[in-house]
Amino acid sequence: MTTPKTPNRRRAGWALRLSSLPARLRILLALPAAAAAAAALVASSGSPAAAAAGTTPDGLAQASLVHQLDRCLPDRQARPTVVLVHGAWADASSWSGEVATLQAAGYDVRAIANPLQDLTTDSQYVADYLKTIPGPVVLVGHSYGGAVITNAAAGLANVKALVYVDASAPAPGETNGQLSGAASILTKDTPAQLFFTTSYPGAPAGASELYLNENIFIHNFASDLPSGEAERLWASQRGASTAAFNTPSKFAAWKTIPSWYFISTNDQIITAASELAMARRAHSHITLFHGGSHLTLISHPNAVTAVIASAVCSLR
């Protein structure tokens, strides 16, 4: 299978091509458009976002993505709604950079609240939301949100593509907590080192709500963000129930729906090795992003949006 290349981003560095991958899986470079080409797109695009982007590397990359998204589908073809599902210890604002670019390109995009309570009920919540959307959907999940979209999309004919962003993609019977990888900080450290916990009303027997300890959040979860930004995100994190990580997956939508997988090589929460194994199993289009963290969707939103754009444009 072949996939379109995505534009380059100086701040992000270069993606890696692994010789060990099967030939049918193309490793995409993160954002390979040159600055001169992107500048030409700024000049040629009539979109407000392109005009306002300026000449910074970030602005040029965003303008290139807006142009790609605006032009890749035929004028008469219905554009998909892009639905973004966040993961644990985060909220819908995690997707702010991706939302800005997709909206600038004229797409209907929804960053929805993930309850973070139980994989079965969280997935049903998202599935019910998807059923209200007319027309095609590109469904995107980050972290634990990947497990949610894996279940929520099962049996929904309007979901045309799945995008996993530093995420888990369980098979039936697997739990999200089993998929972090042997080298993950979640596997290596003790619960007391990782979390502080609270009780919550209506919790299943033995369940509690987990919050990442400050040191873990800043140095392992958000490791490529400026410390001040990481501290603000830590202070505003949403707790996640232990039931979210311990509930077995019931479905595997990636068996029947084409998927894309964005993998940060410096992710310390769900390791690149674990994600690569899941991506291969799902026969995903794989992008390895050199560096990043578990929050690359915040630190390098253009790189993530480029993969979403590949999924969107595949619908033509």
Protein backbone atom coordinates (compact mmCIF):
# COMPACT_ATOMS: atom_id res chain seq x y z
CA MET A 1 0.00 0.00 0.00
CA THR A 2 1.20 3.54 -0.57
CA THR A 3 0.46 6.69 1.32
CA PRO A 4 1.09 10.34 0.47
CA LYS A 5 4.11 11.95 2.06
CA THR A 6 3.50 14.67 4.62
CA PRO A 7 5.29 18.09 4.78
CA ASN A 8 8.59 18.67 6.83
CA ARG A 9 8.82 20.72 10.00
CA ARG A 10 12.22 22.06 11.12
CA ARG A 11 11.29 22.14 14.79
CA ALA A 12 10.10 18.55 14.69
CA GLY A 13 13.27 17.08 13.17
CA TRP A 14 13.13 14.17 10.81
CA ALA A 15 11.09 11.01 10.85
CA LEU A 16 12.85 7.63 10.75
CA ARG A 17 12.55 4.89 8.15
CA LEU A 18 12.98 1.48 9.77
CA SER A 19 14.36 -1.20 7.48
CA SER A 20 12.68 -3.85 9.61
CA LEU A 21 9.17 -2.83 8.56
CA PRO A 22 7.41 -4.94 5.95
CA ALA A 23 7.60 -3.44 2.47
CA ARG A 24 3.85 -2.87 2.39
CA LEU A 25 4.09 -0.39 5.28
CA ARG A 26 5.43 2.98 4.19
CA ILE A 27 7.22 5.05 6.82
CA LEU A 28 6.23 8.66 6.22
CA LEU A 29 8.52 11.59 6.86
CA ALA A 30 7.01 14.14 9.24
CA LEU A 31 6.15 17.20 7.14
CA PRO A 32 8.62 17.12 4.20
CA ALA A 33 7.61 20.38 2.33
CA ALA A 34 10.45 22.85 1.86
CA ALA A 35 10.05 26.40 3.10
CA ALA A 36 10.14 27.81 -0.43
CA ALA A 37 7.30 25.55 -1.56
CA ALA A 38 5.27 26.44 1.49
CA ALA A 39 5.84 30.13 0.83
CA ALA A 40 4.43 29.65 -2.65
CA LEU A 41 1.35 28.05 -1.11
CA VAL A 42 0.90 31.08 1.13
CA ALA A 43 0.95 33.25 -1.96
CA SER A 44 -1.42 31.05 -3.94
CA SER A 45 -3.92 30.10 -1.26
CA GLY A 46 -6.86 32.37 -0.69
CA SER A 47 -7.57 31.04 2.80
CA PRO A 48 -7.37 33.49 5.74
CA ALA A 49 -5.18 31.04 7.65
CA ALA A 50 -2.62 30.91 4.86
CA ALA A 51 -2.51 34.68 4.58
CA ALA A 52 -2.09 35.08 8.33
CA ALA A 53 0.47 32.33 8.79
CA GLY A 54 3.48 34.51 8.10
CA THR A 55 6.87 33.11 7.16
CA THR A 56 7.81 31.18 10.31
CA PRO A 57 8.47 27.44 9.81
CA ASP A 58 5.34 26.66 11.83
CA GLY A 59 3.24 29.09 9.84
CA LEU A 60 4.53 27.79 6.52
CA ALA A 61 3.83 24.20 7.52
CA GLN A 62 0.31 25.10 8.60
CA ALA A 63 -0.31 26.94 5.34
CA SER A 64 0.86 23.88 3.40
CA LEU A 65 -1.52 21.65 5.36
CA VAL A 66 -4.44 24.02 4.84
CA HIS A 67 -3.73 24.01 1.12
CA GLN A 68 -3.47 20.21 1.00
CA LEU A 69 -6.70 19.69 2.94
CA ASP A 70 -8.54 22.29 0.88
CA ARG A 71 -7.56 20.77 -2.46
CA CYS A 72 -7.25 17.01 -1.95
CA LEU A 73 -10.93 16.07 -2.27
CA PRO A 74 -13.06 16.81 -5.35
CA ASP A 75 -15.33 19.85 -5.00
CA ARG A 76 -18.50 17.79 -5.20
CA GLN A 77 -17.40 15.16 -2.69
CA ALA A 78 -18.75 15.45 0.85
CA ARG A 79 -15.97 16.35 3.25
CA PRO A 80 -15.66 14.13 6.30
CA THR A 81 -16.24 15.38 9.81
CA VAL A 82 -13.07 14.89 11.84
CA VAL A 83 -13.79 13.71 15.38
CA LEU A 84 -10.93 13.90 17.90
CA VAL A 85 -10.94 11.83 21.11
CA HIS A 86 -8.44 12.74 23.84
CA GLY A 87 -6.77 10.36 26.27
CA ALA A 88 -6.20 10.06 30.00
CA TRP A 89 -4.88 12.97 32.08
CA ALA A 90 -5.86 15.36 29.30
CA ASP A 91 -8.96 16.99 27.83
CA ALA A 92 -10.34 18.17 24.50
CA SER A 93 -8.10 21.26 24.51
CA SER A 94 -5.17 18.92 23.74
CA TRP A 95 -6.31 19.12 20.11
CA SER A 96 -6.31 22.93 19.82
CA GLY A 97 -3.53 23.07 17.21
CA GLU A 98 -5.08 20.39 15.04
CA VAL A 99 -8.54 21.96 15.33
CA ALA A 100 -7.21 25.36 14.20
CA THR A 101 -5.70 23.96 11.00
CA LEU A 102 -8.64 21.73 10.12
CA GLN A 103 -11.10 24.58 10.63
CA ALA A 104 -8.94 26.91 8.56
CA ALA A 105 -9.19 24.36 5.74
CA GLY A 106 -12.98 24.40 6.02
CA TYR A 107 -13.57 21.10 7.79
CA ASP A 108 -16.17 20.33 10.43
CA VAL A 109 -14.06 19.15 13.37
CA ARG A 110 -15.21 18.06 16.82
CA ALA A 111 -12.88 17.57 19.79
CA ILE A 112 -15.21 15.79 22.18
CA ALA A 113 -15.04 14.98 25.88
CA ASN A 114 -13.93 11.45 26.73
CA PRO A 115 -15.43 10.41 30.10
CA LEU A 116 -12.30 8.41 31.14
CA GLN A 117 -14.40 6.11 33.32
CA ASP A 118 -14.69 2.67 31.70
CA LEU A 119 -13.64 1.47 28.25
CA THR A 120 -17.04 -0.05 27.48
CA THR A 121 -19.14 2.92 28.56
CA ASP A 122 -16.69 5.50 27.21
CA SER A 123 -16.78 3.78 23.83
CA GLN A 124 -20.58 3.69 23.82
CA TYR A 125 -20.65 7.40 24.65
CA VAL A 126 -18.44 8.16 21.63
CA ALA A 127 -20.39 5.76 19.39
CA ASP A 128 -23.66 7.49 20.30
CA TYR A 129 -22.07 10.83 19.43
CA LEU A 130 -20.85 9.52 16.06
CA LYS A 131 -24.35 8.36 15.19
CA THR A 132 -25.55 11.98 15.27
CA ILE A 133 -23.14 13.02 12.52
CA PRO A 134 -24.41 12.79 8.93
CA GLY A 135 -21.89 11.81 6.31
CA PRO A 136 -18.40 10.33 6.55
CA VAL A 137 -16.23 10.55 9.66
CA VAL A 138 -12.47 10.38 10.19
CA LEU A 139 -12.06 9.28 13.82
CA VAL A 140 -8.87 10.16 15.71
CA GLY A 141 -7.77 8.96 19.14
CA HIS A 142 -4.84 9.91 21.37
CA SER A 143 -3.43 7.58 24.04
CA TYR A 144 -6.34 5.83 25.82
CA GLY A 145 -8.58 7.51 23.24
CA GLY A 146 -7.16 5.01 20.75
CA ALA A 147 -8.73 2.15 22.70
CA VAL A 148 -12.00 4.09 22.77
CA ILE A 149 -12.14 4.67 19.00
CA THR A 150 -11.17 1.03 18.42
CA ASN A 151 -14.42 0.02 20.11
CA ALA A 152 -16.65 2.99 19.28
CA ALA A 153 -16.23 2.68 15.50
CA ALA A 154 -17.12 -1.01 15.34
CA GLY A 155 -20.18 -1.48 13.17
CA LEU A 156 -20.53 2.21 12.23
CA ALA A 157 -20.64 2.54 8.45
CA ASN A 158 -19.97 6.29 8.48
CA VAL A 159 -16.51 5.93 10.06
CA LYS A 160 -14.21 5.73 7.05
CA ALA A 161 -10.75 6.04 8.65
CA LEU A 162 -9.11 5.66 12.05
CA VAL A 163 -6.07 7.67 13.16
CA TYR A 164 -4.04 6.63 16.20
CA VAL A 165 -1.84 9.31 17.78
CA ASP A 166 0.63 7.91 20.32
CA ALA A 167 -2.24 5.60 21.18
CA SER A 168 -3.28 2.08 22.03
CA ALA A 169 -5.21 -0.10 19.59
CA PRO A 170 -6.28 -3.18 21.56
CA ALA A 171 -7.52 -6.47 20.22
CA PRO A 172 -10.62 -8.02 21.79
CA GLY A 173 -9.82 -9.20 25.30
CA GLU A 174 -6.85 -6.88 25.77
CA THR A 175 -6.93 -4.03 28.26
CA ASN A 176 -5.48 -0.59 27.73
CA GLY A 177 -3.23 -1.12 30.74
CA GLN A 178 -1.54 -4.11 29.08
CA LEU A 179 -0.33 -2.11 26.09
CA SER A 180 2.06 0.48 27.51
CA GLY A 181 5.17 -1.58 26.72
CA ALA A 182 7.93 -3.08 28.86
CA ALA A 183 10.00 0.12 28.82
CA SER A 184 7.09 2.43 29.70
CA ILE A 185 7.38 4.45 32.90
CA LEU A 186 3.92 3.10 33.74
CA THR A 187 5.38 -0.40 33.74
CA LYS A 188 8.68 0.35 35.47
CA ASP A 189 7.54 2.56 38.39
CA THR A 190 5.26 1.62 41.28
CA PRO A 191 1.71 3.00 41.55
CA ALA A 192 2.80 5.20 44.46
CA GLN A 193 5.56 6.72 42.32
CA LEU A 194 3.21 7.28 39.42
CA PHE A 195 -0.12 8.41 40.83
CA PHE A 196 -2.15 9.97 43.54
CA THR A 197 -5.69 8.63 43.78
CA THR A 198 -9.16 9.74 44.83
CA SER A 199 -12.51 8.02 45.17
CA TYR A 200 -15.47 9.08 43.07
CA PRO A 201 -19.25 8.58 43.23
CA GLY A 202 -20.56 5.51 41.43
CA ALA A 203 -17.14 3.92 41.03
CA PRO A 204 -17.12 0.17 40.41
CA ALA A 205 -16.00 -1.92 43.37
CA GLY A 206 -12.30 -1.38 43.96
CA ALA A 207 -11.95 1.37 41.36
CA SER A 208 -10.43 4.77 42.05
CA GLU A 209 -9.49 7.81 40.01
CA LEU A 210 -5.84 8.23 39.05
CA TYR A 211 -3.90 11.46 38.63
CA LEU A 212 -0.29 11.56 37.48
CA ASN A 213 2.20 12.81 40.04
CA GLU A 214 3.80 16.11 39.08
CA ASN A 215 7.27 14.73 38.44
CA ILE A 216 5.94 11.96 36.19
CA PHE A 217 3.70 14.33 34.26
CA ILE A 218 6.42 16.90 33.59
CA HIS A 219 9.38 14.60 32.92
CA ASN A 220 7.72 11.53 31.35
CA PHE A 221 4.27 12.50 30.06
CA ALA A 222 4.98 16.00 28.68
CA SER A 223 8.75 15.68 28.39
CA ASP A 224 9.21 17.79 25.24
CA LEU A 225 7.06 20.73 26.37
CA PRO A 226 8.47 23.82 28.13
CA SER A 227 8.42 23.20 31.88
CA GLY A 228 5.99 26.05 32.54
CA GLU A 229 3.48 24.70 30.03
CA ALA A 230 3.90 21.17 31.36
CA GLU A 231 3.24 22.41 34.90
CA ARG A 232 0.04 24.18 33.82
CA LEU A 233 -1.17 21.04 32.06
CA TRP A 234 -0.36 18.94 35.13
CA ALA A 235 -2.38 21.28 37.34
CA SER A 236 -5.41 21.02 35.03
CA GLN A 237 -5.24 17.31 34.20
CA ARG A 238 -8.41 15.19 34.30
CA GLY A 239 -8.36 12.09 36.45
CA ALA A 240 -8.94 8.69 34.83
CA SER A 241 -10.60 5.72 36.50
CA THR A 242 -8.66 2.52 37.01
CA ALA A 243 -11.62 0.85 35.28
CA ALA A 244 -10.66 2.64 32.05
CA PHE A 245 -7.36 0.77 32.02
CA ASN A 246 -8.62 -2.59 33.30
CA THR A 247 -11.75 -3.13 31.16
CA PRO A 248 -11.12 -5.62 28.32
CA SER A 249 -11.69 -4.39 24.79
CA LYS A 250 -14.72 -5.90 23.06
CA PHE A 251 -14.10 -4.93 19.43
CA ALA A 252 -11.30 -4.11 17.00
CA ALA A 253 -12.56 -1.65 14.40
CA TRP A 254 -9.08 -1.56 12.83
CA LYS A 255 -9.78 -5.02 11.39
CA THR A 256 -12.24 -3.55 8.89
CA ILE A 257 -11.54 0.21 8.80
CA PRO A 258 -8.32 1.63 7.24
CA SER A 259 -6.03 3.13 9.86
CA TRP A 260 -3.12 5.52 10.24
CA TYR A 261 -0.65 5.42 13.14
CA PHE A 262 1.46 8.35 14.40
CA ILE A 263 4.26 7.16 16.69
CA SER A 264 6.60 9.44 18.65
CA THR A 265 9.91 7.69 19.22
CA ASN A 266 10.40 9.41 22.61
CA ASP A 267 6.98 8.50 24.02
CA GLN A 268 7.60 7.24 27.56
CA ILE A 269 3.95 6.38 28.34
CA ILE A 270 3.07 4.04 25.45
CA THR A 271 6.41 3.05 23.96
CA ALA A 272 7.18 3.26 20.27
CA ALA A 273 7.89 -0.49 20.23
CA SER A 274 4.44 -1.28 21.61
CA GLU A 275 2.71 1.12 19.23
CA LEU A 276 4.65 -0.24 16.27
CA ALA A 277 3.54 -3.78 17.11
CA MET A 278 -0.10 -2.64 17.29
CA ALA A 279 0.24 -0.66 14.07
CA ARG A 280 1.67 -3.65 12.21
CA ARG A 281 -1.10 -5.85 13.53
CA ALA A 282 -3.69 -3.37 12.26
CA HIS A 283 -1.92 -3.02 8.87
CA SER A 284 -1.83 0.73 9.48
CA HIS A 285 -0.13 3.43 7.46
CA ILE A 286 2.74 4.22 9.86
CA THR A 287 4.48 7.51 10.58
CA LEU A 288 7.45 7.46 12.95
CA PHE A 289 8.11 10.91 14.38
CA HIS A 290 11.66 11.35 15.65
CA GLY A 291 11.49 12.76 19.18
CA GLY A 292 8.34 14.20 20.68
CA SER A 293 6.69 12.86 23.83
CA HIS A 294 3.32 11.45 24.80
CA LEU A 295 1.96 14.95 24.12
CA THR A 296 3.35 15.46 20.62
CA LEU A 297 -0.18 16.43 19.60
CA ILE A 298 0.40 19.61 21.66
CA SER A 299 4.11 20.20 21.03
CA HIS A 300 4.03 19.46 17.27
CA PRO A 301 0.42 19.75 16.08
CA ASN A 302 1.40 20.21 12.42
CA ALA A 303 3.11 16.82 12.36
CA VAL A 304 0.00 15.18 13.80
CA THR A 305 -2.34 17.11 11.50
CA ALA A 306 -0.32 15.93 8.50
CA VAL A 307 -1.21 12.32 9.33
CA ILE A 308 -4.87 13.25 9.85
CA ALA A 309 -4.72 14.96 6.45
CA SER A 310 -3.39 11.76 4.87
CA ALA A 311 -6.40 9.89 6.24
CA VAL A 312 -8.80 12.59 5.08
CA CYS A 313 -7.32 12.77 1.60
CA SER A 314 -7.41 8.98 1.21
CA LEU A 315 -11.20 9.25 0.91
CA ARG A 316 -11.02 10.83 -2.54
